């Protein structure tokens, strides 16, 4: 069911701005959604949460004792790849529209999606600090500083920001530059990253 909805949101010409249109396009029934999720709000939150977990998946497999810079590169490239190829844009387009109708949904969507991704990265950075691969600093704040420009590289409505080519090479270059800037900012006196 979620896979069918995600496929409808991934279509290149899909400009769906409400959950009802996504459901109609996917062929999923409202009854099935109610049975499995409780309602469309819970469906949107479940999809955001699942996508955040998929984006964070490389962090679980990454060793914090290995080269921190290489780990951040792998993670960043994975996040941008999913932003470019998943239902991320469509889901957040719907989230913006739905949050106008249900104002508390905006906070819940952030917590289930981007906020959850920040928490995953913060936990990884905390482990890196404990392992000596990263200096002092608030891991949650550092995670936010890393992810903000990474996610901002993709406008959830129109793709990459103006002037940014959408290809894998451009994404890789963007991530390398971001990781270099991040590492320089957090380790001015010691080369840890």
C-alpha atoms as a PDB file:
ATOM      1  CA  UNK A   1       0.000   0.000   0.000  1.00  0.00           C
ATOM      2  CA  UNK A   2       2.734   2.487   0.965  1.00  0.00           C
ATOM      3  CA  UNK A   3       4.794   1.339  -2.022  1.00  0.00           C
ATOM      4  CA  UNK A   4       1.888   2.099  -4.371  1.00  0.00           C
ATOM      5  CA  UNK A   5       1.412   5.549  -2.857  1.00  0.00           C
ATOM      6  CA  UNK A   6       5.143   6.229  -3.030  1.00  0.00           C
ATOM      7  CA  UNK A   7       5.200   5.191  -6.703  1.00  0.00           C
ATOM      8  CA  UNK A   8       2.367   7.623  -7.470  1.00  0.00           C
ATOM      9  CA  UNK A   9       4.284  10.425  -5.748  1.00  0.00           C
ATOM     10  CA  UNK A  10       7.534   9.559  -7.564  1.00  0.00           C
ATOM     11  CA  UNK A  11       6.125   9.978 -11.056  1.00  0.00           C
ATOM     12  CA  UNK A  12       8.005  12.790 -12.833  1.00  0.00           C
ATOM     13  CA  UNK A  13       4.866  14.710 -13.748  1.00  0.00           C
ATOM     14  CA  UNK A  14       3.142  14.184 -10.400  1.00  0.00           C
ATOM     15  CA  UNK A  15       2.251  17.535  -8.903  1.00  0.00           C
ATOM     16  CA  UNK A  16      -0.049  16.060  -6.303  1.00  0.00           C
ATOM     17  CA  UNK A  17      -0.686  18.470  -3.453  1.00  0.00           C
ATOM     18  CA  UNK A  18      -3.173  16.564  -1.315  1.00  0.00           C
ATOM     19  CA  UNK A  19      -3.344  13.082   0.096  1.00  0.00           C
ATOM     20  CA  UNK A  20      -6.727  12.356  -1.473  1.00  0.00           C
ATOM     21  CA  UNK A  21      -5.283  12.814  -4.983  1.00  0.00           C
ATOM     22  CA  UNK A  22      -2.332  10.577  -4.156  1.00  0.00           C
ATOM     23  CA  UNK A  23      -4.675   7.890  -2.879  1.00  0.00           C
ATOM     24  CA  UNK A  24      -6.866   8.125  -5.988  1.00  0.00           C
ATOM     25  CA  UNK A  25      -3.849   7.965  -8.311  1.00  0.00           C
ATOM     26  CA  UNK A  26      -2.400   4.951  -6.491  1.00  0.00           C
ATOM     27  CA  UNK A  27      -5.627   2.974  -6.440  1.00  0.00           C
ATOM     28  CA  UNK A  28      -5.360   2.352  -2.697  1.00  0.00           C
ATOM     29  CA  UNK A  29      -8.686   2.430  -0.886  1.00  0.00           C
ATOM     30  CA  UNK A  30      -9.452   4.745   2.022  1.00  0.00           C
ATOM     31  CA  UNK A  31     -10.857   1.724   3.834  1.00  0.00           C
ATOM     32  CA  UNK A  32      -7.465  -0.064   3.617  1.00  0.00           C
ATOM     33  CA  UNK A  33      -5.704   3.057   4.847  1.00  0.00           C
ATOM     34  CA  UNK A  34      -8.099   3.327   7.780  1.00  0.00           C
ATOM     35  CA  UNK A  35      -7.587  -0.342   8.642  1.00  0.00           C
ATOM     36  CA  UNK A  36      -3.784  -0.226   8.458  1.00  0.00           C
ATOM     37  CA  UNK A  37      -2.992   3.291   9.641  1.00  0.00           C
ATOM     38  CA  UNK A  38      -6.108   4.723  11.249  1.00  0.00           C
ATOM     39  CA  UNK A  39      -6.407   7.583   8.755  1.00  0.00           C
ATOM     40  CA  UNK A  40      -4.638   9.704   6.175  1.00  0.00           C
ATOM     41  CA  UNK A  41      -2.784  11.790   8.793  1.00  0.00           C
ATOM     42  CA  UNK A  42      -1.226   8.642  10.262  1.00  0.00           C
ATOM     43  CA  UNK A  43      -0.379   7.450   6.753  1.00  0.00           C
ATOM     44  CA  UNK A  44       1.511  10.672   5.961  1.00  0.00           C
ATOM     45  CA  UNK A  45       3.411  10.454   9.252  1.00  0.00           C
ATOM     46  CA  UNK A  46       4.220   6.766   8.713  1.00  0.00           C
ATOM     47  CA  UNK A  47       5.554   7.493   5.228  1.00  0.00           C
ATOM     48  CA  UNK A  48       7.723  10.361   6.542  1.00  0.00           C
ATOM     49  CA  UNK A  49       9.057   8.175   9.354  1.00  0.00           C
ATOM     50  CA  UNK A  50       9.851   5.275   7.010  1.00  0.00           C
ATOM     51  CA  UNK A  51      11.671   7.604   4.626  1.00  0.00           C
ATOM     52  CA  UNK A  52      13.726   9.120   7.480  1.00  0.00           C
ATOM     53  CA  UNK A  53      14.713   5.605   8.563  1.00  0.00           C
ATOM     54  CA  UNK A  54      15.718   4.720   4.997  1.00  0.00           C
ATOM     55  CA  UNK A  55      17.807   7.894   4.754  1.00  0.00           C
ATOM     56  CA  UNK A  56      19.513   7.070   8.056  1.00  0.00           C
ATOM     57  CA  UNK A  57      20.138   3.398   7.222  1.00  0.00           C
ATOM     58  CA  UNK A  58      23.814   3.902   6.313  1.00  0.00           C
ATOM     59  CA  UNK A  59      24.495   5.317   9.781  1.00  0.00           C
ATOM     60  CA  UNK A  60      23.619   1.993  11.389  1.00  0.00           C
ATOM     61  CA  UNK A  61      26.130   0.162   9.254  1.00  0.00           C
ATOM     62  CA  UNK A  62      28.881   2.733   9.528  1.00  0.00           C
ATOM     63  CA  UNK A  63      31.740   2.266  11.920  1.00  0.00           C
ATOM     64  CA  UNK A  64      32.509   5.399  13.900  1.00  0.00           C
ATOM     65  CA  UNK A  65      36.080   4.202  14.313  1.00  0.00           C
ATOM     66  CA  UNK A  66      36.601   4.434  10.550  1.00  0.00           C
ATOM     67  CA  UNK A  67      37.318   7.703   8.768  1.00  0.00           C
ATOM     68  CA  UNK A  68      34.573  10.097   9.916  1.00  0.00           C
ATOM     69  CA  UNK A  69      34.838  12.137   6.728  1.00  0.00           C
ATOM     70  CA  UNK A  70      34.257   9.040   4.594  1.00  0.00           C
ATOM     71  CA  UNK A  71      31.260   8.082   6.743  1.00  0.00           C
ATOM     72  CA  UNK A  72      29.719  11.539   6.394  1.00  0.00           C
ATOM     73  CA  UNK A  73      30.300  11.450   2.630  1.00  0.00           C
ATOM     74  CA  UNK A  74      28.551   8.097   2.312  1.00  0.00           C
ATOM     75  CA  UNK A  75      25.635   9.229   4.446  1.00  0.00           C
ATOM     76  CA  UNK A  76      25.282  12.583   2.659  1.00  0.00           C
ATOM     77  CA  UNK A  77      25.347  11.014  -0.780  1.00  0.00           C
ATOM     78  CA  UNK A  78      22.746   8.464   0.308  1.00  0.00           C
ATOM     79  CA  UNK A  79      20.426  11.195   1.641  1.00  0.00           C
ATOM     80  CA  UNK A  80      20.708  13.258  -1.542  1.00  0.00           C
ATOM     81  CA  UNK A  81      20.183  10.164  -3.698  1.00  0.00           C
ATOM     82  CA  UNK A  82      16.943   9.414  -1.834  1.00  0.00           C
ATOM     83  CA  UNK A  83      15.867  13.054  -2.082  1.00  0.00           C
ATOM     84  CA  UNK A  84      16.351  12.831  -5.845  1.00  0.00           C
ATOM     85  CA  UNK A  85      14.818   9.420  -6.461  1.00  0.00           C
ATOM     86  CA  UNK A  86      12.230   8.749  -3.762  1.00  0.00           C
ATOM     87  CA  UNK A  87       8.766  10.091  -3.026  1.00  0.00           C
ATOM     88  CA  UNK A  88      10.317  12.759  -0.761  1.00  0.00           C
ATOM     89  CA  UNK A  89       9.254  15.749  -2.859  1.00  0.00           C
ATOM     90  CA  UNK A  90       5.701  14.549  -3.301  1.00  0.00           C
ATOM     91  CA  UNK A  91       5.320  13.634   0.338  1.00  0.00           C
ATOM     92  CA  UNK A  92       6.465  17.049   1.535  1.00  0.00           C
ATOM     93  CA  UNK A  93       4.359  18.830  -1.069  1.00  0.00           C
ATOM     94  CA  UNK A  94       1.360  17.017   0.419  1.00  0.00           C
ATOM     95  CA  UNK A  95       2.605  17.759   3.940  1.00  0.00           C
ATOM     96  CA  UNK A  96       2.682  21.481   3.264  1.00  0.00           C
ATOM     97  CA  UNK A  97      -0.836  21.431   1.835  1.00  0.00           C
ATOM     98  CA  UNK A  98      -2.207  19.218   4.584  1.00  0.00           C
ATOM     99  CA  UNK A  99      -0.610  21.358   7.299  1.00  0.00           C
ATOM    100  CA  UNK A 100      -2.658  24.314   6.060  1.00  0.00           C
ATOM    101  CA  UNK A 101      -5.823  22.310   6.711  1.00  0.00           C
ATOM    102  CA  UNK A 102      -4.493  20.651   9.888  1.00  0.00           C
ATOM    103  CA  UNK A 103      -1.987  23.069  11.421  1.00  0.00           C
ATOM    104  CA  UNK A 104      -0.581  20.665  14.025  1.00  0.00           C
ATOM    105  CA  UNK A 105       0.409  18.294  11.225  1.00  0.00           C
ATOM    106  CA  UNK A 106       3.396  20.480  10.277  1.00  0.00           C
ATOM    107  CA  UNK A 107       5.108  19.885  13.629  1.00  0.00           C
ATOM    108  CA  UNK A 108       4.243  16.190  13.616  1.00  0.00           C
ATOM    109  CA  UNK A 109       5.511  15.790  10.046  1.00  0.00           C
ATOM    110  CA  UNK A 110       8.777  17.478  10.950  1.00  0.00           C
ATOM    111  CA  UNK A 111       9.224  15.227  13.988  1.00  0.00           C
ATOM    112  CA  UNK A 112       8.432  12.069  11.995  1.00  0.00           C
ATOM    113  CA  UNK A 113      10.638  12.985   9.023  1.00  0.00           C
ATOM    114  CA  UNK A 114      13.458  15.560   9.126  1.00  0.00           C
ATOM    115  CA  UNK A 115      13.496  15.725  12.928  1.00  0.00           C
ATOM    116  CA  UNK A 116      13.887  11.961  13.141  1.00  0.00           C
ATOM    117  CA  UNK A 117      16.732  12.060  10.604  1.00  0.00           C
ATOM    118  CA  UNK A 118      18.507  14.709  12.722  1.00  0.00           C
ATOM    119  CA  UNK A 119      18.119  12.422  15.760  1.00  0.00           C
ATOM    120  CA  UNK A 120      19.664   9.500  13.857  1.00  0.00           C
ATOM    121  CA  UNK A 121      22.655  11.600  12.781  1.00  0.00           C
ATOM    122  CA  UNK A 122      23.035  13.065  16.290  1.00  0.00           C
ATOM    123  CA  UNK A 123      23.224   9.545  17.742  1.00  0.00           C
ATOM    124  CA  UNK A 124      25.923   8.648  15.206  1.00  0.00           C
ATOM    125  CA  UNK A 125      27.895  11.832  15.982  1.00  0.00           C
ATOM    126  CA  UNK A 126      27.586  11.118  19.719  1.00  0.00           C
ATOM    127  CA  UNK A 127      29.153   7.687  19.123  1.00  0.00           C
ATOM    128  CA  UNK A 128      31.891   9.363  17.065  1.00  0.00           C
ATOM    129  CA  UNK A 129      32.601  11.695  19.976  1.00  0.00           C
ATOM    130  CA  UNK A 130      32.741   8.804  22.413  1.00  0.00           C
ATOM    131  CA  UNK A 131      35.139   6.991  20.069  1.00  0.00           C
ATOM    132  CA  UNK A 132      37.397  10.044  19.772  1.00  0.00           C
ATOM    133  CA  UNK A 133      36.670  10.605  16.072  1.00  0.00           C
ATOM    134  CA  UNK A 134      34.902  13.901  16.730  1.00  0.00           C
ATOM    135  CA  UNK A 135      35.673  16.730  19.135  1.00  0.00           C
ATOM    136  CA  UNK A 136      33.352  18.329  21.631  1.00  0.00           C
ATOM    137  CA  UNK A 137      30.073  19.893  20.660  1.00  0.00           C
ATOM    138  CA  UNK A 138      26.379  19.238  20.951  1.00  0.00           C
ATOM    139  CA  UNK A 139      25.693  16.291  18.594  1.00  0.00           C
ATOM    140  CA  UNK A 140      22.118  17.427  18.003  1.00  0.00           C
ATOM    141  CA  UNK A 141      23.250  20.906  17.026  1.00  0.00           C
ATOM    142  CA  UNK A 142      26.029  19.494  14.827  1.00  0.00           C
ATOM    143  CA  UNK A 143      23.574  17.139  13.124  1.00  0.00           C
ATOM    144  CA  UNK A 144      21.243  20.035  12.389  1.00  0.00           C
ATOM    145  CA  UNK A 145      24.123  22.072  10.956  1.00  0.00           C
ATOM    146  CA  UNK A 146      25.098  19.190   8.687  1.00  0.00           C
ATOM    147  CA  UNK A 147      21.609  18.267   7.503  1.00  0.00           C
ATOM    148  CA  UNK A 148      20.175  21.759   6.964  1.00  0.00           C
ATOM    149  CA  UNK A 149      22.247  22.624   3.885  1.00  0.00           C
ATOM    150  CA  UNK A 150      22.111  19.024   2.706  1.00  0.00           C
ATOM    151  CA  UNK A 151      18.315  18.900   2.677  1.00  0.00           C
ATOM    152  CA  UNK A 152      18.096  22.519   1.487  1.00  0.00           C
ATOM    153  CA  UNK A 153      19.957  21.466  -1.658  1.00  0.00           C
ATOM    154  CA  UNK A 154      16.649  19.969  -2.745  1.00  0.00           C
ATOM    155  CA  UNK A 155      13.625  22.180  -2.944  1.00  0.00           C
ATOM    156  CA  UNK A 156      10.794  19.767  -2.100  1.00  0.00           C
ATOM    157  CA  UNK A 157       8.647  21.332  -4.805  1.00  0.00           C
ATOM    158  CA  UNK A 158      10.975  21.849  -7.752  1.00  0.00           C
ATOM    159  CA  UNK A 159      14.020  19.642  -7.251  1.00  0.00           C
ATOM    160  CA  UNK A 160      17.483  21.056  -6.798  1.00  0.00           C
ATOM    161  CA  UNK A 161      17.865  24.704  -5.970  1.00  0.00           C
ATOM    162  CA  UNK A 162      18.242  27.039  -8.962  1.00  0.00           C
ATOM    163  CA  UNK A 163      21.634  26.748 -10.613  1.00  0.00           C
ATOM    164  CA  UNK A 164      22.379  23.276  -9.236  1.00  0.00           C
ATOM    165  CA  UNK A 165      22.579  20.510 -11.815  1.00  0.00           C
ATOM    166  CA  UNK A 166      20.596  17.438 -10.714  1.00  0.00           C
ATOM    167  CA  UNK A 167      23.049  14.689 -11.714  1.00  0.00           C
ATOM    168  CA  UNK A 168      24.846  12.244  -9.442  1.00  0.00           C
ATOM    169  CA  UNK A 169      28.196  13.953 -10.112  1.00  0.00           C
ATOM    170  CA  UNK A 170      26.790  17.312  -9.027  1.00  0.00           C
ATOM    171  CA  UNK A 171      25.281  15.730  -5.907  1.00  0.00           C
ATOM    172  CA  UNK A 172      28.625  14.091  -5.083  1.00  0.00           C
ATOM    173  CA  UNK A 173      30.471  17.377  -5.487  1.00  0.00           C
ATOM    174  CA  UNK A 174      27.917  19.177  -3.343  1.00  0.00           C
ATOM    175  CA  UNK A 175      28.242  16.566  -0.578  1.00  0.00           C
ATOM    176  CA  UNK A 176      32.068  16.651  -0.690  1.00  0.00           C
ATOM    177  CA  UNK A 177      32.045  20.443  -0.377  1.00  0.00           C
ATOM    178  CA  UNK A 178      29.531  20.294   2.460  1.00  0.00           C
ATOM    179  CA  UNK A 179      31.502  17.633   4.359  1.00  0.00           C
ATOM    180  CA  UNK A 180      34.727  19.599   3.923  1.00  0.00           C
ATOM    181  CA  UNK A 181      33.045  22.763   5.230  1.00  0.00           C
ATOM    182  CA  UNK A 182      31.465  20.843   8.125  1.00  0.00           C
ATOM    183  CA  UNK A 183      34.735  19.153   9.087  1.00  0.00           C
ATOM    184  CA  UNK A 184      36.644  22.425   8.904  1.00  0.00           C
ATOM    185  CA  UNK A 185      34.023  24.160  11.043  1.00  0.00           C
ATOM    186  CA  UNK A 186      34.047  21.562  13.811  1.00  0.00           C
ATOM    187  CA  UNK A 187      37.776  20.818  13.842  1.00  0.00           C
ATOM    188  CA  UNK A 188      39.674  24.056  13.394  1.00  0.00           C
ATOM    189  CA  UNK A 189      42.585  23.029  15.580  1.00  0.00           C
ATOM    190  CA  UNK A 190      42.722  19.235  15.047  1.00  0.00           C
ATOM    191  CA  UNK A 191      42.285  17.195  11.917  1.00  0.00           C
ATOM    192  CA  UNK A 192      39.650  14.675  13.058  1.00  0.00           C
ATOM    193  CA  UNK A 193      37.417  14.686  10.055  1.00  0.00           C
END
